[in-house]
Amino acid sequence: MIHYIHFRVITHATEDLSGVLAALDFFLLPCLSPKDNLSELVETISVEGHFGNPMSVTTAELKRNSSCMKFSKLFQENITEEDRELLRSQMPERLDDDLNFYMRFSKQDAALGRLRLTDSSDAIFVKIKIETYPKCWEKAGLIVEELFG
């Protein structure tokens, strides 16, 4: 089903890193088990933008099946019907040939405890690696529909 879920978010110099991390926590905390350590899942590195501006890139990855399924549940319980319909109409374009399914969520909404899709580059990027044996795009599409449709 889901092999892993990878999160990536960029914090610009004009943003507060703790606020961006809180937005990411909206997705991560409900998916963790008591034995998981959030600080071990999240990594932040400092980088320089194209014009020399300082930025931070934060990544996290959910690898346990139980955590991935909790993310699917969080998604199902918090997605608006409007966003669900948008996602359904875009599913073929969001699933690549390597069976990665992509979504972007609003950082601002996540910080307020809301799940909202966005097409902005100022987002929490989510890549969901789907597993099928043998590798099959059509089967992966059915899994995506079941878990996120």
C-alpha atoms as a PDB file:
ATOM      1  CA  MET A   1       0.000   0.000   0.000  1.00  0.00           C
ATOM      2  CA  ILE A   2       2.007   3.012   1.249  1.00  0.00           C
ATOM      3  CA  HIS A   3       5.756   2.511   1.456  1.00  0.00           C
ATOM      4  CA  TYR A   4       6.472   5.921   3.052  1.00  0.00           C
ATOM      5  CA  ILE A   5       5.261   9.523   3.233  1.00  0.00           C
ATOM      6  CA  HIS A   6       7.830  12.288   2.797  1.00  0.00           C
ATOM      7  CA  PHE A   7       7.175  15.878   3.943  1.00  0.00           C
ATOM      8  CA  ARG A   8       9.185  18.938   2.897  1.00  0.00           C
ATOM      9  CA  VAL A   9       8.644  22.571   3.802  1.00  0.00           C
ATOM     10  CA  ILE A  10      10.724  25.679   3.139  1.00  0.00           C
ATOM     11  CA  THR A  11      10.971  28.450   5.715  1.00  0.00           C
ATOM     12  CA  HIS A  12      11.961  31.805   4.272  1.00  0.00           C
ATOM     13  CA  ALA A  13      13.970  34.376   6.229  1.00  0.00           C
ATOM     14  CA  THR A  14      10.792  36.421   6.728  1.00  0.00           C
ATOM     15  CA  GLU A  15       9.028  33.510   8.448  1.00  0.00           C
ATOM     16  CA  ASP A  16       9.277  32.162  11.968  1.00  0.00           C
ATOM     17  CA  LEU A  17      10.732  28.636  11.887  1.00  0.00           C
ATOM     18  CA  SER A  18       8.812  27.599  15.021  1.00  0.00           C
ATOM     19  CA  GLY A  19       5.532  28.562  13.342  1.00  0.00           C
ATOM     20  CA  VAL A  20       6.364  26.543  10.242  1.00  0.00           C
ATOM     21  CA  LEU A  21       7.349  23.563  12.397  1.00  0.00           C
ATOM     22  CA  ALA A  22       4.026  23.867  14.226  1.00  0.00           C
ATOM     23  CA  ALA A  23       2.255  23.678  10.853  1.00  0.00           C
ATOM     24  CA  LEU A  24       4.207  20.511  10.019  1.00  0.00           C
ATOM     25  CA  ASP A  25       3.333  19.110  13.457  1.00  0.00           C
ATOM     26  CA  PHE A  26      -0.342  19.314  12.456  1.00  0.00           C
ATOM     27  CA  PHE A  27       0.393  16.467  10.028  1.00  0.00           C
ATOM     28  CA  LEU A  28       2.993  14.541  12.011  1.00  0.00           C
ATOM     29  CA  LEU A  29       1.798  14.435  15.624  1.00  0.00           C
ATOM     30  CA  PRO A  30      -1.478  12.559  14.999  1.00  0.00           C
ATOM     31  CA  CYS A  31       0.442   9.936  13.000  1.00  0.00           C
ATOM     32  CA  LEU A  32       3.052   9.023  15.597  1.00  0.00           C
ATOM     33  CA  SER A  33       2.958   6.172  18.044  1.00  0.00           C
ATOM     34  CA  PRO A  34       3.982   6.714  21.699  1.00  0.00           C
ATOM     35  CA  LYS A  35       7.417   5.215  21.013  1.00  0.00           C
ATOM     36  CA  ASP A  36       8.151   7.637  18.135  1.00  0.00           C
ATOM     37  CA  ASN A  37      10.387  10.615  18.822  1.00  0.00           C
ATOM     38  CA  LEU A  38       9.376  13.611  16.721  1.00  0.00           C
ATOM     39  CA  SER A  39      12.844  15.162  16.865  1.00  0.00           C
ATOM     40  CA  GLU A  40      14.301  12.014  15.290  1.00  0.00           C
ATOM     41  CA  LEU A  41      11.855  12.212  12.362  1.00  0.00           C
ATOM     42  CA  VAL A  42      12.325  15.880  11.534  1.00  0.00           C
ATOM     43  CA  GLU A  43      15.474  17.402  10.045  1.00  0.00           C
ATOM     44  CA  THR A  44      16.056  21.084   9.315  1.00  0.00           C
ATOM     45  CA  ILE A  45      18.981  22.380   7.306  1.00  0.00           C
ATOM     46  CA  SER A  46      19.969  25.942   6.432  1.00  0.00           C
ATOM     47  CA  VAL A  47      20.345  26.730   2.760  1.00  0.00           C
ATOM     48  CA  GLU A  48      20.878  29.760   0.570  1.00  0.00           C
ATOM     49  CA  GLY A  49      18.261  30.797  -1.966  1.00  0.00           C
ATOM     50  CA  HIS A  50      18.918  31.691  -5.589  1.00  0.00           C
ATOM     51  CA  PHE A  51      19.517  35.327  -4.682  1.00  0.00           C
ATOM     52  CA  GLY A  52      21.585  34.577  -1.568  1.00  0.00           C
ATOM     53  CA  ASN A  53      18.648  34.795   0.796  1.00  0.00           C
ATOM     54  CA  PRO A  54      18.796  32.505   3.847  1.00  0.00           C
ATOM     55  CA  MET A  55      16.195  29.755   4.068  1.00  0.00           C
ATOM     56  CA  SER A  56      15.618  26.551   5.998  1.00  0.00           C
ATOM     57  CA  VAL A  57      14.430  23.274   4.512  1.00  0.00           C
ATOM     58  CA  THR A  58      12.672  20.918   6.891  1.00  0.00           C
ATOM     59  CA  THR A  59      11.940  17.309   5.997  1.00  0.00           C
ATOM     60  CA  ALA A  60      10.270  14.419   7.752  1.00  0.00           C
ATOM     61  CA  GLU A  61       9.308  10.917   6.765  1.00  0.00           C
ATOM     62  CA  LEU A  62       6.706   8.476   8.015  1.00  0.00           C
ATOM     63  CA  LYS A  63       7.795   4.891   7.333  1.00  0.00           C
ATOM     64  CA  ARG A  64       5.675   2.715   9.597  1.00  0.00           C
ATOM     65  CA  ASN A  65       2.523   1.337   8.040  1.00  0.00           C
ATOM     66  CA  SER A  66       0.509   2.388  11.098  1.00  0.00           C
ATOM     67  CA  SER A  67       1.780   5.982  10.801  1.00  0.00           C
ATOM     68  CA  CYS A  68       0.979   6.099   7.086  1.00  0.00           C
ATOM     69  CA  MET A  69      -2.530   4.824   7.709  1.00  0.00           C
ATOM     70  CA  LYS A  70      -3.013   7.417  10.462  1.00  0.00           C
ATOM     71  CA  PHE A  71      -2.053  10.085   7.925  1.00  0.00           C
ATOM     72  CA  SER A  72      -4.697   8.737   5.536  1.00  0.00           C
ATOM     73  CA  LYS A  73      -7.253   8.905   8.367  1.00  0.00           C
ATOM     74  CA  LEU A  74      -6.181  12.463   9.271  1.00  0.00           C
ATOM     75  CA  PHE A  75      -6.582  13.385   5.617  1.00  0.00           C
ATOM     76  CA  GLN A  76     -10.043  11.792   5.304  1.00  0.00           C
ATOM     77  CA  GLU A  77     -11.301  13.447   8.483  1.00  0.00           C
ATOM     78  CA  ASN A  78     -10.028  16.942   7.662  1.00  0.00           C
ATOM     79  CA  ILE A  79     -10.236  17.410   3.894  1.00  0.00           C
ATOM     80  CA  THR A  80     -12.995  19.712   2.659  1.00  0.00           C
ATOM     81  CA  GLU A  81     -15.414  18.349   0.099  1.00  0.00           C
ATOM     82  CA  GLU A  82     -14.248  21.020  -2.351  1.00  0.00           C
ATOM     83  CA  ASP A  83     -10.606  19.913  -1.989  1.00  0.00           C
ATOM     84  CA  ARG A  84     -11.623  16.247  -2.213  1.00  0.00           C
ATOM     85  CA  GLU A  85     -13.327  16.875  -5.549  1.00  0.00           C
ATOM     86  CA  LEU A  86     -10.331  18.851  -6.815  1.00  0.00           C
ATOM     87  CA  LEU A  87      -7.990  16.051  -5.799  1.00  0.00           C
ATOM     88  CA  ARG A  88     -10.168  13.415  -7.484  1.00  0.00           C
ATOM     89  CA  SER A  89     -10.113  15.357 -10.740  1.00  0.00           C
ATOM     90  CA  GLN A  90      -6.308  15.760 -10.582  1.00  0.00           C
ATOM     91  CA  MET A  91      -5.327  12.286  -9.350  1.00  0.00           C
ATOM     92  CA  PRO A  92      -3.896  11.049 -12.675  1.00  0.00           C
ATOM     93  CA  GLU A  93      -1.588  14.076 -12.895  1.00  0.00           C
ATOM     94  CA  ARG A  94      -0.485  13.739  -9.267  1.00  0.00           C
ATOM     95  CA  LEU A  95       0.641  10.098  -9.585  1.00  0.00           C
ATOM     96  CA  ASP A  96       3.918   9.718 -11.473  1.00  0.00           C
ATOM     97  CA  ASP A  97       5.391   6.690 -13.251  1.00  0.00           C
ATOM     98  CA  ASP A  98       7.443   5.799 -10.156  1.00  0.00           C
ATOM     99  CA  LEU A  99       4.175   5.552  -8.169  1.00  0.00           C
ATOM    100  CA  ASN A 100       4.775   8.719  -6.165  1.00  0.00           C
ATOM    101  CA  PHE A 101       1.597  10.642  -5.318  1.00  0.00           C
ATOM    102  CA  TYR A 102       2.052  14.384  -4.711  1.00  0.00           C
ATOM    103  CA  MET A 103       0.052  16.922  -2.731  1.00  0.00           C
ATOM    104  CA  ARG A 104       0.717  20.432  -1.417  1.00  0.00           C
ATOM    105  CA  PHE A 105      -0.924  21.807   1.691  1.00  0.00           C
ATOM    106  CA  SER A 106      -1.199  25.399   2.859  1.00  0.00           C
ATOM    107  CA  LYS A 107       1.300  26.181   5.632  1.00  0.00           C
ATOM    108  CA  GLN A 108      -0.921  28.943   6.990  1.00  0.00           C
ATOM    109  CA  ASP A 109      -3.991  26.714   7.212  1.00  0.00           C
ATOM    110  CA  ALA A 110      -2.011  23.844   8.777  1.00  0.00           C
ATOM    111  CA  ALA A 111      -0.725  26.245  11.445  1.00  0.00           C
ATOM    112  CA  LEU A 112      -4.385  26.932  12.267  1.00  0.00           C
ATOM    113  CA  GLY A 113      -5.233  23.220  12.390  1.00  0.00           C
ATOM    114  CA  ARG A 114      -6.872  23.047   8.971  1.00  0.00           C
ATOM    115  CA  LEU A 115      -6.038  20.835   6.009  1.00  0.00           C
ATOM    116  CA  ARG A 116      -6.248  22.735   2.723  1.00  0.00           C
ATOM    117  CA  LEU A 117      -4.768  21.862  -0.641  1.00  0.00           C
ATOM    118  CA  THR A 118      -2.857  24.594  -2.435  1.00  0.00           C
ATOM    119  CA  ASP A 119      -1.034  25.035  -5.715  1.00  0.00           C
ATOM    120  CA  SER A 120       1.263  27.648  -4.179  1.00  0.00           C
ATOM    121  CA  SER A 121       4.988  27.002  -3.849  1.00  0.00           C
ATOM    122  CA  ASP A 122       4.709  28.310  -0.258  1.00  0.00           C
ATOM    123  CA  ALA A 123       3.414  24.985   0.993  1.00  0.00           C
ATOM    124  CA  ILE A 124       4.030  21.777   2.839  1.00  0.00           C
ATOM    125  CA  PHE A 125       4.972  19.348   0.085  1.00  0.00           C
ATOM    126  CA  VAL A 126       3.892  15.743   0.585  1.00  0.00           C
ATOM    127  CA  LYS A 127       5.133  12.808  -1.498  1.00  0.00           C
ATOM    128  CA  ILE A 128       3.473   9.466  -0.880  1.00  0.00           C
ATOM    129  CA  LYS A 129       5.297   6.439  -2.251  1.00  0.00           C
ATOM    130  CA  ILE A 130       2.776   3.780  -3.258  1.00  0.00           C
ATOM    131  CA  GLU A 131       3.786   0.114  -3.394  1.00  0.00           C
ATOM    132  CA  THR A 132       2.312  -2.464  -5.724  1.00  0.00           C
ATOM    133  CA  TYR A 133       3.656  -5.873  -6.661  1.00  0.00           C
ATOM    134  CA  PRO A 134       4.360  -6.013  -9.477  1.00  0.00           C
ATOM    135  CA  LYS A 135       4.754  -2.285 -10.056  1.00  0.00           C
ATOM    136  CA  CYS A 136       1.545  -1.098 -11.676  1.00  0.00           C
ATOM    137  CA  TRP A 137       0.340   2.478 -12.158  1.00  0.00           C
ATOM    138  CA  GLU A 138      -3.314   1.417 -12.431  1.00  0.00           C
ATOM    139  CA  LYS A 139      -3.195  -0.517  -9.137  1.00  0.00           C
ATOM    140  CA  ALA A 140      -1.434   2.415  -7.479  1.00  0.00           C
ATOM    141  CA  GLY A 141      -4.208   4.700  -8.748  1.00  0.00           C
ATOM    142  CA  LEU A 142      -6.811   2.476  -7.099  1.00  0.00           C
ATOM    143  CA  ILE A 143      -4.893   2.592  -3.819  1.00  0.00           C
ATOM    144  CA  VAL A 144      -4.683   6.390  -3.992  1.00  0.00           C
ATOM    145  CA  GLU A 145      -8.419   6.604  -4.681  1.00  0.00           C
ATOM    146  CA  GLU A 146      -9.177   4.326  -1.749  1.00  0.00           C
ATOM    147  CA  LEU A 147      -6.942   6.165   0.724  1.00  0.00           C
ATOM    148  CA  PHE A 148      -7.307   9.768  -0.440  1.00  0.00           C
ATOM    149  CA  GLY A 149     -10.300   9.918  -2.786  1.00  0.00           C
END
